[in-house]
Amino acid sequence: MAEDSSTTTLPPIYEESSQYRHWRFSPSQLWDTRNTSHEAAVERVRRNFQEDQEESKSTEANELKYLSIEDTLTLCRYYEETLQSICGHLKFPEVVMATAVIYMKRFFLYNTVMDYHPRDIALTCLFLATKSESERIPIEQFGKNLRIQSTDQILALEFVVSQGLKFEYLIHHPYRPAYGFFLDMQKIDAMDVPLLKETYTKAQQVISSMFLTDLCLIYQSSQLALAAFMVAGKNNQFDAQVVSFLFLQQYVRYIEKRFGNEQKEQLLKLIDQIKETLDQLQAVSRDKATAIDKQLRLCMNPAKDPNSAL
């Protein structure tokens, strides 16, 4: 018997995306994925160093100190911050910055900085992001804008990074749902619209900071957008309007109206978790990144070095 198409409920578009199906993790899944990848990488690089010594007949003892997962994440975050600075300097749209940073996060989930230096991957991710976000510029102009002497490495890594992304380029960012919430909230009775506009502007800045954490790999873009309003309103009393029962819970009432009472409690708990993660975010100093990078260059995979005996 044929199914009545008029009664068929289709899943939300986002749930059919590759981001929803392939790039969502719980915190424990992220840790397990990174730990497994890191341990395999250290073992592979250690073995390659031993083979390199045998081939070159070197008698030097191989007592290298390999990067920890924490050091790897710190160094990657430094280059994610650098990406944000570059995009701001070159006046790229926010979505280009966001796509480049997420590409980098996805790539290093299954690859190691001991094979591919994060600086090279960051620039390659940015070049790919300009294409996927319809801000494409010629590679010659890209190199000129960034004052790169040679773009050969970027072109050589373009396919490698694409493989790491599983050729899934589309990214759903919190910026669009944030704008949708901004428009929808204006319909709330007695909403302070000027204050809402101010909060929306700050929410966009909050979203940018979210990309320096793992939030974009754990939560849906709409959830992050909703949380951004709460975080952004922290210093302008907007959160008092939307949370406190004394102020009629404008924001909570909005959530309840849109998502129902049961989901309201779940969303408010989720928003608190997101705020807690953002509160722990700290910028990586240049000195810290330089120290880690110095250690990294001593334990880069010799198999990726054209001057190696391998």
C-alpha atoms as a PDB file:
ATOM      1  CA  MET A   1       0.000   0.000   0.000  1.00  0.00           C
ATOM      2  CA  ALA A   2       1.423   3.348  -0.993  1.00  0.00           C
ATOM      3  CA  GLU A   3       2.272   5.721   1.837  1.00  0.00           C
ATOM      4  CA  ASP A   4       0.203   8.886   1.984  1.00  0.00           C
ATOM      5  CA  SER A   5       2.705  11.664   1.247  1.00  0.00           C
ATOM      6  CA  SER A   6       0.395  14.222   2.832  1.00  0.00           C
ATOM      7  CA  THR A   7       0.887  12.619   6.278  1.00  0.00           C
ATOM      8  CA  THR A   8       4.613  11.915   5.940  1.00  0.00           C
ATOM      9  CA  THR A   9       6.696  13.926   8.413  1.00  0.00           C
ATOM     10  CA  LEU A  10      10.053  14.914   6.994  1.00  0.00           C
ATOM     11  CA  PRO A  11      13.001  15.453   9.354  1.00  0.00           C
ATOM     12  CA  PRO A  12      14.361  18.993   9.730  1.00  0.00           C
ATOM     13  CA  ILE A  13      16.794  19.967   6.979  1.00  0.00           C
ATOM     14  CA  TYR A  14      19.642  20.275   9.482  1.00  0.00           C
ATOM     15  CA  GLU A  15      19.201  16.665  10.608  1.00  0.00           C
ATOM     16  CA  GLU A  16      19.814  15.535   7.042  1.00  0.00           C
ATOM     17  CA  SER A  17      23.082  17.461   6.798  1.00  0.00           C
ATOM     18  CA  SER A  18      26.541  15.916   6.984  1.00  0.00           C
ATOM     19  CA  GLN A  19      27.266  18.156   9.966  1.00  0.00           C
ATOM     20  CA  TYR A  20      24.471  16.568  11.972  1.00  0.00           C
ATOM     21  CA  ARG A  21      25.242  13.020  10.840  1.00  0.00           C
ATOM     22  CA  HIS A  22      29.052  12.990  10.871  1.00  0.00           C
ATOM     23  CA  TRP A  23      30.420  15.915  12.878  1.00  0.00           C
ATOM     24  CA  ARG A  24      28.505  15.918  16.185  1.00  0.00           C
ATOM     25  CA  PHE A  25      30.139  14.456  19.270  1.00  0.00           C
ATOM     26  CA  SER A  26      29.661  14.248  22.988  1.00  0.00           C
ATOM     27  CA  PRO A  27      32.586  15.549  25.088  1.00  0.00           C
ATOM     28  CA  SER A  28      33.604  11.961  25.876  1.00  0.00           C
ATOM     29  CA  GLN A  29      33.465  11.000  22.195  1.00  0.00           C
ATOM     30  CA  LEU A  30      35.684  13.953  21.326  1.00  0.00           C
ATOM     31  CA  TRP A  31      38.222  12.921  23.934  1.00  0.00           C
ATOM     32  CA  ASP A  32      38.211   9.286  22.820  1.00  0.00           C
ATOM     33  CA  THR A  33      38.590  10.275  19.161  1.00  0.00           C
ATOM     34  CA  ARG A  34      41.475  12.624  19.868  1.00  0.00           C
ATOM     35  CA  ASN A  35      43.164  10.242  22.285  1.00  0.00           C
ATOM     36  CA  THR A  36      42.999   7.337  19.852  1.00  0.00           C
ATOM     37  CA  SER A  37      44.304   9.474  16.996  1.00  0.00           C
ATOM     38  CA  HIS A  38      47.067  10.973  19.143  1.00  0.00           C
ATOM     39  CA  GLU A  39      48.319   7.664  20.496  1.00  0.00           C
ATOM     40  CA  ALA A  40      48.435   6.162  17.007  1.00  0.00           C
ATOM     41  CA  ALA A  41      50.275   9.232  15.698  1.00  0.00           C
ATOM     42  CA  VAL A  42      52.919   9.158  18.444  1.00  0.00           C
ATOM     43  CA  GLU A  43      53.563   5.469  17.855  1.00  0.00           C
ATOM     44  CA  ARG A  44      53.799   5.975  14.087  1.00  0.00           C
ATOM     45  CA  VAL A  45      56.162   8.941  14.381  1.00  0.00           C
ATOM     46  CA  ARG A  46      58.333   7.150  16.955  1.00  0.00           C
ATOM     47  CA  ARG A  47      58.640   4.193  14.609  1.00  0.00           C
ATOM     48  CA  ASN A  48      59.531   6.474  11.699  1.00  0.00           C
ATOM     49  CA  PHE A  49      62.259   8.154  13.732  1.00  0.00           C
ATOM     50  CA  GLN A  50      63.766   4.753  14.492  1.00  0.00           C
ATOM     51  CA  GLU A  51      63.674   3.782  10.814  1.00  0.00           C
ATOM     52  CA  ASP A  52      65.154   7.134   9.848  1.00  0.00           C
ATOM     53  CA  GLN A  53      68.054   6.592  12.241  1.00  0.00           C
ATOM     54  CA  GLU A  54      68.669   3.124  10.850  1.00  0.00           C
ATOM     55  CA  GLU A  55      68.601   4.342   7.256  1.00  0.00           C
ATOM     56  CA  SER A  56      70.921   7.275   7.988  1.00  0.00           C
ATOM     57  CA  LYS A  57      73.083   5.078  10.252  1.00  0.00           C
ATOM     58  CA  SER A  58      72.776   7.665  12.983  1.00  0.00           C
ATOM     59  CA  THR A  59      73.977   6.787  16.491  1.00  0.00           C
ATOM     60  CA  GLU A  60      72.044   9.562  18.246  1.00  0.00           C
ATOM     61  CA  ALA A  61      69.650   8.363  20.916  1.00  0.00           C
ATOM     62  CA  ASN A  62      65.997   8.972  20.128  1.00  0.00           C
ATOM     63  CA  GLU A  63      64.680  10.465  23.364  1.00  0.00           C
ATOM     64  CA  LEU A  64      62.172  12.894  21.931  1.00  0.00           C
ATOM     65  CA  LYS A  65      59.411  14.360  24.018  1.00  0.00           C
ATOM     66  CA  TYR A  66      56.198  14.234  22.029  1.00  0.00           C
ATOM     67  CA  LEU A  67      53.410  16.745  22.375  1.00  0.00           C
ATOM     68  CA  SER A  68      50.535  15.968  24.698  1.00  0.00           C
ATOM     69  CA  ILE A  69      46.933  16.262  23.541  1.00  0.00           C
ATOM     70  CA  GLU A  70      46.599  19.403  25.654  1.00  0.00           C
ATOM     71  CA  ASP A  71      49.618  21.020  23.993  1.00  0.00           C
ATOM     72  CA  THR A  72      48.285  20.082  20.571  1.00  0.00           C
ATOM     73  CA  LEU A  73      44.908  21.685  21.300  1.00  0.00           C
ATOM     74  CA  THR A  74      46.587  24.798  22.711  1.00  0.00           C
ATOM     75  CA  LEU A  75      48.740  25.258  19.621  1.00  0.00           C
ATOM     76  CA  CYS A  76      45.777  24.699  17.315  1.00  0.00           C
ATOM     77  CA  ARG A  77      43.722  27.224  19.254  1.00  0.00           C
ATOM     78  CA  TYR A  78      46.507  29.779  18.833  1.00  0.00           C
ATOM     79  CA  TYR A  79      46.271  29.371  15.063  1.00  0.00           C
ATOM     80  CA  GLU A  80      42.479  29.486  15.245  1.00  0.00           C
ATOM     81  CA  GLU A  81      42.834  32.840  16.972  1.00  0.00           C
ATOM     82  CA  THR A  82      45.278  33.846  14.245  1.00  0.00           C
ATOM     83  CA  LEU A  83      42.713  32.894  11.619  1.00  0.00           C
ATOM     84  CA  GLN A  84      40.172  35.156  13.254  1.00  0.00           C
ATOM     85  CA  SER A  85      42.657  38.036  13.248  1.00  0.00           C
ATOM     86  CA  ILE A  86      43.534  37.463   9.596  1.00  0.00           C
ATOM     87  CA  CYS A  87      39.887  37.385   8.557  1.00  0.00           C
ATOM     88  CA  GLY A  88      39.213  40.578  10.455  1.00  0.00           C
ATOM     89  CA  HIS A  89      42.210  42.298   8.867  1.00  0.00           C
ATOM     90  CA  LEU A  90      41.209  41.193   5.360  1.00  0.00           C
ATOM     91  CA  LYS A  91      37.554  42.029   6.077  1.00  0.00           C
ATOM     92  CA  PHE A  92      36.279  38.564   5.202  1.00  0.00           C
ATOM     93  CA  PRO A  93      32.657  37.861   6.227  1.00  0.00           C
ATOM     94  CA  GLU A  94      32.246  36.155   9.581  1.00  0.00           C
ATOM     95  CA  VAL A  95      31.100  32.948   7.914  1.00  0.00           C
ATOM     96  CA  VAL A  96      34.448  32.628   6.108  1.00  0.00           C
ATOM     97  CA  MET A  97      36.286  32.872   9.422  1.00  0.00           C
ATOM     98  CA  ALA A  98      33.914  30.417  11.071  1.00  0.00           C
ATOM     99  CA  THR A  99      34.140  27.902   8.236  1.00  0.00           C
ATOM    100  CA  ALA A 100      37.949  28.046   8.204  1.00  0.00           C
ATOM    101  CA  VAL A 101      38.175  27.471  11.959  1.00  0.00           C
ATOM    102  CA  ILE A 102      35.722  24.572  11.890  1.00  0.00           C
ATOM    103  CA  TYR A 103      37.542  23.005   8.940  1.00  0.00           C
ATOM    104  CA  MET A 104      40.718  23.121  11.023  1.00  0.00           C
ATOM    105  CA  LYS A 105      39.010  21.551  14.030  1.00  0.00           C
ATOM    106  CA  ARG A 106      37.556  18.766  11.926  1.00  0.00           C
ATOM    107  CA  PHE A 107      40.862  18.051  10.194  1.00  0.00           C
ATOM    108  CA  PHE A 108      42.840  17.681  13.413  1.00  0.00           C
ATOM    109  CA  LEU A 109      40.279  15.344  14.923  1.00  0.00           C
ATOM    110  CA  TYR A 110      41.750  12.558  12.823  1.00  0.00           C
ATOM    111  CA  ASN A 111      45.138  14.010  11.846  1.00  0.00           C
ATOM    112  CA  THR A 112      48.132  15.136  13.861  1.00  0.00           C
ATOM    113  CA  VAL A 113      50.214  18.304  14.013  1.00  0.00           C
ATOM    114  CA  MET A 114      53.268  16.037  13.875  1.00  0.00           C
ATOM    115  CA  ASP A 115      52.349  15.272  10.259  1.00  0.00           C
ATOM    116  CA  TYR A 116      50.950  18.657   9.243  1.00  0.00           C
ATOM    117  CA  HIS A 117      51.937  21.909  10.898  1.00  0.00           C
ATOM    118  CA  PRO A 118      48.834  23.834  12.060  1.00  0.00           C
ATOM    119  CA  ARG A 119      50.026  27.043  10.410  1.00  0.00           C
ATOM    120  CA  ASP A 120      49.964  25.402   6.972  1.00  0.00           C
ATOM    121  CA  ILE A 121      46.618  23.744   7.671  1.00  0.00           C
ATOM    122  CA  ALA A 122      45.112  27.002   8.934  1.00  0.00           C
ATOM    123  CA  LEU A 123      45.995  28.857   5.731  1.00  0.00           C
ATOM    124  CA  THR A 124      44.746  25.989   3.584  1.00  0.00           C
ATOM    125  CA  CYS A 125      41.464  25.868   5.522  1.00  0.00           C
ATOM    126  CA  LEU A 126      41.056  29.604   5.004  1.00  0.00           C
ATOM    127  CA  PHE A 127      41.622  29.270   1.262  1.00  0.00           C
ATOM    128  CA  LEU A 128      39.064  26.453   1.101  1.00  0.00           C
ATOM    129  CA  ALA A 129      36.622  28.497   3.174  1.00  0.00           C
ATOM    130  CA  THR A 130      36.766  31.400   0.711  1.00  0.00           C
ATOM    131  CA  LYS A 131      35.605  28.974  -1.965  1.00  0.00           C
ATOM    132  CA  SER A 132      32.853  27.238  -0.030  1.00  0.00           C
ATOM    133  CA  GLU A 133      31.458  30.552   1.253  1.00  0.00           C
ATOM    134  CA  SER A 134      31.427  32.151  -2.219  1.00  0.00           C
ATOM    135  CA  GLU A 135      34.225  34.614  -1.409  1.00  0.00           C
ATOM    136  CA  ARG A 136      36.633  32.996  -3.794  1.00  0.00           C
ATOM    137  CA  ILE A 137      39.817  34.831  -4.700  1.00  0.00           C
ATOM    138  CA  PRO A 138      42.687  33.664  -6.955  1.00  0.00           C
ATOM    139  CA  ILE A 139      45.489  31.881  -5.127  1.00  0.00           C
ATOM    140  CA  GLU A 140      47.934  34.549  -6.328  1.00  0.00           C
ATOM    141  CA  GLN A 141      45.857  37.296  -4.730  1.00  0.00           C
ATOM    142  CA  PHE A 142      45.352  35.182  -1.621  1.00  0.00           C
ATOM    143  CA  GLY A 143      49.110  34.834  -1.210  1.00  0.00           C
ATOM    144  CA  LYS A 144      49.657  38.517  -1.889  1.00  0.00           C
ATOM    145  CA  ASN A 145      47.051  39.557   0.696  1.00  0.00           C
ATOM    146  CA  LEU A 146      48.686  37.378   3.331  1.00  0.00           C
ATOM    147  CA  ARG A 147      52.221  38.278   2.201  1.00  0.00           C
ATOM    148  CA  ILE A 148      53.093  34.638   1.583  1.00  0.00           C
ATOM    149  CA  GLN A 149      56.170  34.153  -0.555  1.00  0.00           C
ATOM    150  CA  SER A 150      54.952  30.829  -1.950  1.00  0.00           C
ATOM    151  CA  THR A 151      51.472  29.316  -2.035  1.00  0.00           C
ATOM    152  CA  ASP A 152      52.709  25.917  -3.234  1.00  0.00           C
ATOM    153  CA  GLN A 153      52.195  24.359   0.188  1.00  0.00           C
ATOM    154  CA  ILE A 154      48.596  25.570   0.328  1.00  0.00           C
ATOM    155  CA  LEU A 155      47.831  24.063  -3.056  1.00  0.00           C
ATOM    156  CA  ALA A 156      49.603  20.828  -2.109  1.00  0.00           C
ATOM    157  CA  LEU A 157      47.542  20.512   1.078  1.00  0.00           C
ATOM    158  CA  GLU A 158      44.196  21.439  -0.456  1.00  0.00           C
ATOM    159  CA  PHE A 159      43.334  17.858  -1.372  1.00  0.00           C
ATOM    160  CA  VAL A 160      44.783  16.488   1.880  1.00  0.00           C
ATOM    161  CA  VAL A 161      42.559  18.795   3.927  1.00  0.00           C
ATOM    162  CA  SER A 162      39.554  17.951   1.763  1.00  0.00           C
ATOM    163  CA  GLN A 163      40.144  14.284   2.473  1.00  0.00           C
ATOM    164  CA  GLY A 164      40.315  15.060   6.178  1.00  0.00           C
ATOM    165  CA  LEU A 165      36.965  16.829   5.870  1.00  0.00           C
ATOM    166  CA  LYS A 166      35.537  13.783   4.055  1.00  0.00           C
ATOM    167  CA  PHE A 167      34.797  16.253   1.240  1.00  0.00           C
ATOM    168  CA  GLU A 168      31.950  17.653   3.353  1.00  0.00           C
ATOM    169  CA  TYR A 169      32.300  21.403   3.020  1.00  0.00           C
ATOM    170  CA  LEU A 170      28.921  22.780   4.059  1.00  0.00           C
ATOM    171  CA  ILE A 171      28.900  24.312   7.545  1.00  0.00           C
ATOM    172  CA  HIS A 172      25.796  25.375   9.458  1.00  0.00           C
ATOM    173  CA  HIS A 173      26.796  28.370  11.602  1.00  0.00           C
ATOM    174  CA  PRO A 174      24.966  29.961  14.550  1.00  0.00           C
ATOM    175  CA  TYR A 175      24.891  33.340  12.775  1.00  0.00           C
ATOM    176  CA  ARG A 176      21.792  32.604  10.698  1.00  0.00           C
ATOM    177  CA  PRO A 177      19.639  31.165  13.516  1.00  0.00           C
ATOM    178  CA  ALA A 178      20.793  34.057  15.729  1.00  0.00           C
ATOM    179  CA  TYR A 179      19.385  36.488  13.198  1.00  0.00           C
ATOM    180  CA  GLY A 180      16.176  34.469  13.068  1.00  0.00           C
ATOM    181  CA  PHE A 181      15.838  34.586  16.862  1.00  0.00           C
ATOM    182  CA  PHE A 182      16.536  38.327  16.771  1.00  0.00           C
ATOM    183  CA  LEU A 183      13.639  38.888  14.384  1.00  0.00           C
ATOM    184  CA  ASP A 184      11.330  36.526  16.239  1.00  0.00           C
ATOM    185  CA  MET A 185      12.004  38.019  19.676  1.00  0.00           C
ATOM    186  CA  GLN A 186      10.832  41.412  18.493  1.00  0.00           C
ATOM    187  CA  LYS A 187       7.301  39.987  18.443  1.00  0.00           C
ATOM    188  CA  ILE A 188       7.318  39.483  22.219  1.00  0.00           C
ATOM    189  CA  ASP A 189       5.046  41.899  24.045  1.00  0.00           C
ATOM    190  CA  ALA A 190       6.908  44.626  25.965  1.00  0.00           C
ATOM    191  CA  MET A 191      10.266  43.546  24.543  1.00  0.00           C
ATOM    192  CA  ASP A 192      12.860  46.321  24.831  1.00  0.00           C
ATOM    193  CA  VAL A 193      13.787  46.367  21.120  1.00  0.00           C
ATOM    194  CA  PRO A 194      16.742  48.806  21.391  1.00  0.00           C
ATOM    195  CA  LEU A 195      18.201  46.617  24.140  1.00  0.00           C
ATOM    196  CA  LEU A 196      17.518  43.549  22.035  1.00  0.00           C
ATOM    197  CA  LYS A 197      19.397  45.097  19.098  1.00  0.00           C
ATOM    198  CA  GLU A 198      22.364  45.878  21.316  1.00  0.00           C
ATOM    199  CA  THR A 199      22.329  42.341  22.651  1.00  0.00           C
ATOM    200  CA  TYR A 200      22.145  40.869  19.154  1.00  0.00           C
ATOM    201  CA  THR A 201      25.284  42.787  18.149  1.00  0.00           C
ATOM    202  CA  LYS A 202      27.113  41.410  21.164  1.00  0.00           C
ATOM    203  CA  ALA A 203      25.719  37.933  20.517  1.00  0.00           C
ATOM    204  CA  GLN A 204      27.563  37.861  17.203  1.00  0.00           C
ATOM    205  CA  GLN A 205      30.807  38.496  19.063  1.00  0.00           C
ATOM    206  CA  VAL A 206      29.970  35.711  21.492  1.00  0.00           C
ATOM    207  CA  ILE A 207      29.399  33.344  18.585  1.00  0.00           C
ATOM    208  CA  SER A 208      32.867  34.169  17.249  1.00  0.00           C
ATOM    209  CA  SER A 209      34.397  33.221  20.599  1.00  0.00           C
ATOM    210  CA  MET A 210      32.479  29.928  20.550  1.00  0.00           C
ATOM    211  CA  PHE A 211      34.564  28.792  17.579  1.00  0.00           C
ATOM    212  CA  LEU A 212      37.650  28.793  19.802  1.00  0.00           C
ATOM    213  CA  THR A 213      36.092  26.010  21.880  1.00  0.00           C
ATOM    214  CA  ASP A 214      34.658  22.574  21.104  1.00  0.00           C
ATOM    215  CA  LEU A 215      31.095  23.892  21.342  1.00  0.00           C
ATOM    216  CA  CYS A 216      30.607  23.812  17.573  1.00  0.00           C
ATOM    217  CA  LEU A 217      31.426  20.080  17.596  1.00  0.00           C
ATOM    218  CA  ILE A 218      28.993  19.298  20.413  1.00  0.00           C
ATOM    219  CA  TYR A 219      25.908  21.488  20.056  1.00  0.00           C
ATOM    220  CA  GLN A 220      23.629  22.394  17.182  1.00  0.00           C
ATOM    221  CA  SER A 221      24.026  25.834  15.644  1.00  0.00           C
ATOM    222  CA  SER A 222      20.553  26.913  16.791  1.00  0.00           C
ATOM    223  CA  GLN A 223      21.377  25.941  20.369  1.00  0.00           C
ATOM    224  CA  LEU A 224      24.564  27.990  20.265  1.00  0.00           C
ATOM    225  CA  ALA A 225      22.675  30.940  18.812  1.00  0.00           C
ATOM    226  CA  LEU A 226      20.129  30.803  21.620  1.00  0.00           C
ATOM    227  CA  ALA A 227      22.875  30.654  24.236  1.00  0.00           C
ATOM    228  CA  ALA A 228      24.720  33.561  22.619  1.00  0.00           C
ATOM    229  CA  PHE A 229      21.865  35.924  23.505  1.00  0.00           C
ATOM    230  CA  MET A 230      22.036  34.934  27.159  1.00  0.00           C
ATOM    231  CA  VAL A 231      25.816  35.341  27.319  1.00  0.00           C
ATOM    232  CA  ALA A 232      25.739  38.601  25.379  1.00  0.00           C
ATOM    233  CA  GLY A 233      23.152  40.071  27.731  1.00  0.00           C
ATOM    234  CA  LYS A 234      25.266  39.481  30.801  1.00  0.00           C
ATOM    235  CA  ASN A 235      26.555  43.035  30.999  1.00  0.00           C
ATOM    236  CA  ASN A 236      23.588  45.044  29.760  1.00  0.00           C
ATOM    237  CA  GLN A 237      20.826  43.652  31.993  1.00  0.00           C
ATOM    238  CA  PHE A 238      19.209  41.800  29.088  1.00  0.00           C
ATOM    239  CA  ASP A 239      19.669  38.552  30.974  1.00  0.00           C
ATOM    240  CA  ALA A 240      17.700  40.024  33.886  1.00  0.00           C
ATOM    241  CA  GLN A 241      14.756  40.555  31.554  1.00  0.00           C
ATOM    242  CA  VAL A 242      14.889  37.083  30.126  1.00  0.00           C
ATOM    243  CA  VAL A 243      15.644  34.994  33.197  1.00  0.00           C
ATOM    244  CA  SER A 244      14.170  36.613  36.281  1.00  0.00           C
ATOM    245  CA  PHE A 245      10.576  35.807  37.206  1.00  0.00           C
ATOM    246  CA  LEU A 246      10.347  39.379  38.487  1.00  0.00           C
ATOM    247  CA  PHE A 247      10.659  40.627  34.926  1.00  0.00           C
ATOM    248  CA  LEU A 248       8.040  38.219  33.510  1.00  0.00           C
ATOM    249  CA  GLN A 249      10.712  35.955  32.068  1.00  0.00           C
ATOM    250  CA  GLN A 250      10.507  37.438  28.598  1.00  0.00           C
ATOM    251  CA  TYR A 251      13.241  35.209  27.207  1.00  0.00           C
ATOM    252  CA  VAL A 252      12.115  32.107  29.062  1.00  0.00           C
ATOM    253  CA  ARG A 253       8.569  32.737  27.931  1.00  0.00           C
ATOM    254  CA  TYR A 254       9.874  33.022  24.399  1.00  0.00           C
ATOM    255  CA  ILE A 255      11.657  29.675  24.688  1.00  0.00           C
ATOM    256  CA  GLU A 256       8.601  28.055  26.217  1.00  0.00           C
ATOM    257  CA  LYS A 257       6.375  29.443  23.493  1.00  0.00           C
ATOM    258  CA  ARG A 258       8.630  28.244  20.708  1.00  0.00           C
ATOM    259  CA  PHE A 259       9.815  24.914  22.125  1.00  0.00           C
ATOM    260  CA  GLY A 260       7.354  23.911  24.839  1.00  0.00           C
ATOM    261  CA  ASN A 261       7.694  23.736  28.603  1.00  0.00           C
ATOM    262  CA  GLU A 262       9.561  20.415  28.695  1.00  0.00           C
ATOM    263  CA  GLN A 263      12.204  21.519  26.180  1.00  0.00           C
ATOM    264  CA  LYS A 264      12.470  24.884  27.938  1.00  0.00           C
ATOM    265  CA  GLU A 265      14.058  23.291  31.005  1.00  0.00           C
ATOM    266  CA  GLN A 266      16.418  21.254  28.844  1.00  0.00           C
ATOM    267  CA  LEU A 267      17.456  24.300  26.830  1.00  0.00           C
ATOM    268  CA  LEU A 268      18.098  26.450  29.896  1.00  0.00           C
ATOM    269  CA  LYS A 269      20.312  23.706  31.333  1.00  0.00           C
ATOM    270  CA  LEU A 270      22.110  23.394  28.022  1.00  0.00           C
ATOM    271  CA  ILE A 271      22.639  27.160  27.875  1.00  0.00           C
ATOM    272  CA  ASP A 272      24.222  27.085  31.333  1.00  0.00           C
ATOM    273  CA  GLN A 273      26.646  24.403  30.132  1.00  0.00           C
ATOM    274  CA  ILE A 274      27.605  26.521  27.132  1.00  0.00           C
ATOM    275  CA  LYS A 275      28.136  29.592  29.332  1.00  0.00           C
ATOM    276  CA  GLU A 276      30.364  27.551  31.643  1.00  0.00           C
ATOM    277  CA  THR A 277      32.557  26.489  28.722  1.00  0.00           C
ATOM    278  CA  LEU A 278      32.882  30.064  27.485  1.00  0.00           C
ATOM    279  CA  ASP A 279      33.818  31.273  30.967  1.00  0.00           C
ATOM    280  CA  GLN A 280      36.818  28.936  30.881  1.00  0.00           C
ATOM    281  CA  LEU A 281      38.087  30.210  27.535  1.00  0.00           C
ATOM    282  CA  GLN A 282      41.469  31.956  27.678  1.00  0.00           C
ATOM    283  CA  ALA A 283      43.582  33.382  24.879  1.00  0.00           C
ATOM    284  CA  VAL A 284      46.824  31.567  24.052  1.00  0.00           C
ATOM    285  CA  SER A 285      49.864  33.796  24.474  1.00  0.00           C
ATOM    286  CA  ARG A 286      52.484  34.038  21.755  1.00  0.00           C
ATOM    287  CA  ASP A 287      55.150  32.837  24.212  1.00  0.00           C
ATOM    288  CA  LYS A 288      53.121  29.739  25.052  1.00  0.00           C
ATOM    289  CA  ALA A 289      52.519  28.937  21.386  1.00  0.00           C
ATOM    290  CA  THR A 290      56.187  29.524  20.529  1.00  0.00           C
ATOM    291  CA  ALA A 291      57.335  27.129  23.244  1.00  0.00           C
ATOM    292  CA  ILE A 292      54.987  24.387  22.049  1.00  0.00           C
ATOM    293  CA  ASP A 293      55.921  25.031  18.423  1.00  0.00           C
ATOM    294  CA  LYS A 294      59.613  24.685  19.273  1.00  0.00           C
ATOM    295  CA  GLN A 295      58.920  21.307  20.829  1.00  0.00           C
ATOM    296  CA  LEU A 296      56.765  20.299  17.858  1.00  0.00           C
ATOM    297  CA  ARG A 297      59.497  20.979  15.332  1.00  0.00           C
ATOM    298  CA  LEU A 298      61.732  18.483  17.135  1.00  0.00           C
ATOM    299  CA  CYS A 299      59.182  15.686  16.802  1.00  0.00           C
ATOM    300  CA  MET A 300      57.709  16.310  13.340  1.00  0.00           C
ATOM    301  CA  ASN A 301      57.216  13.091  11.402  1.00  0.00           C
ATOM    302  CA  PRO A 302      60.425  12.427   9.397  1.00  0.00           C
ATOM    303  CA  ALA A 303      58.313  10.652   6.764  1.00  0.00           C
ATOM    304  CA  LYS A 304      56.931  14.094   5.830  1.00  0.00           C
ATOM    305  CA  ASP A 305      60.433  15.616   5.596  1.00  0.00           C
ATOM    306  CA  PRO A 306      61.903  15.531   2.053  1.00  0.00           C
ATOM    307  CA  ASN A 307      65.405  15.669   3.572  1.00  0.00           C
ATOM    308  CA  SER A 308      64.809  12.563   5.670  1.00  0.00           C
ATOM    309  CA  ALA A 309      66.488   9.260   4.877  1.00  0.00           C
ATOM    310  CA  LEU A 310      63.088   7.576   4.699  1.00  0.00           C
END
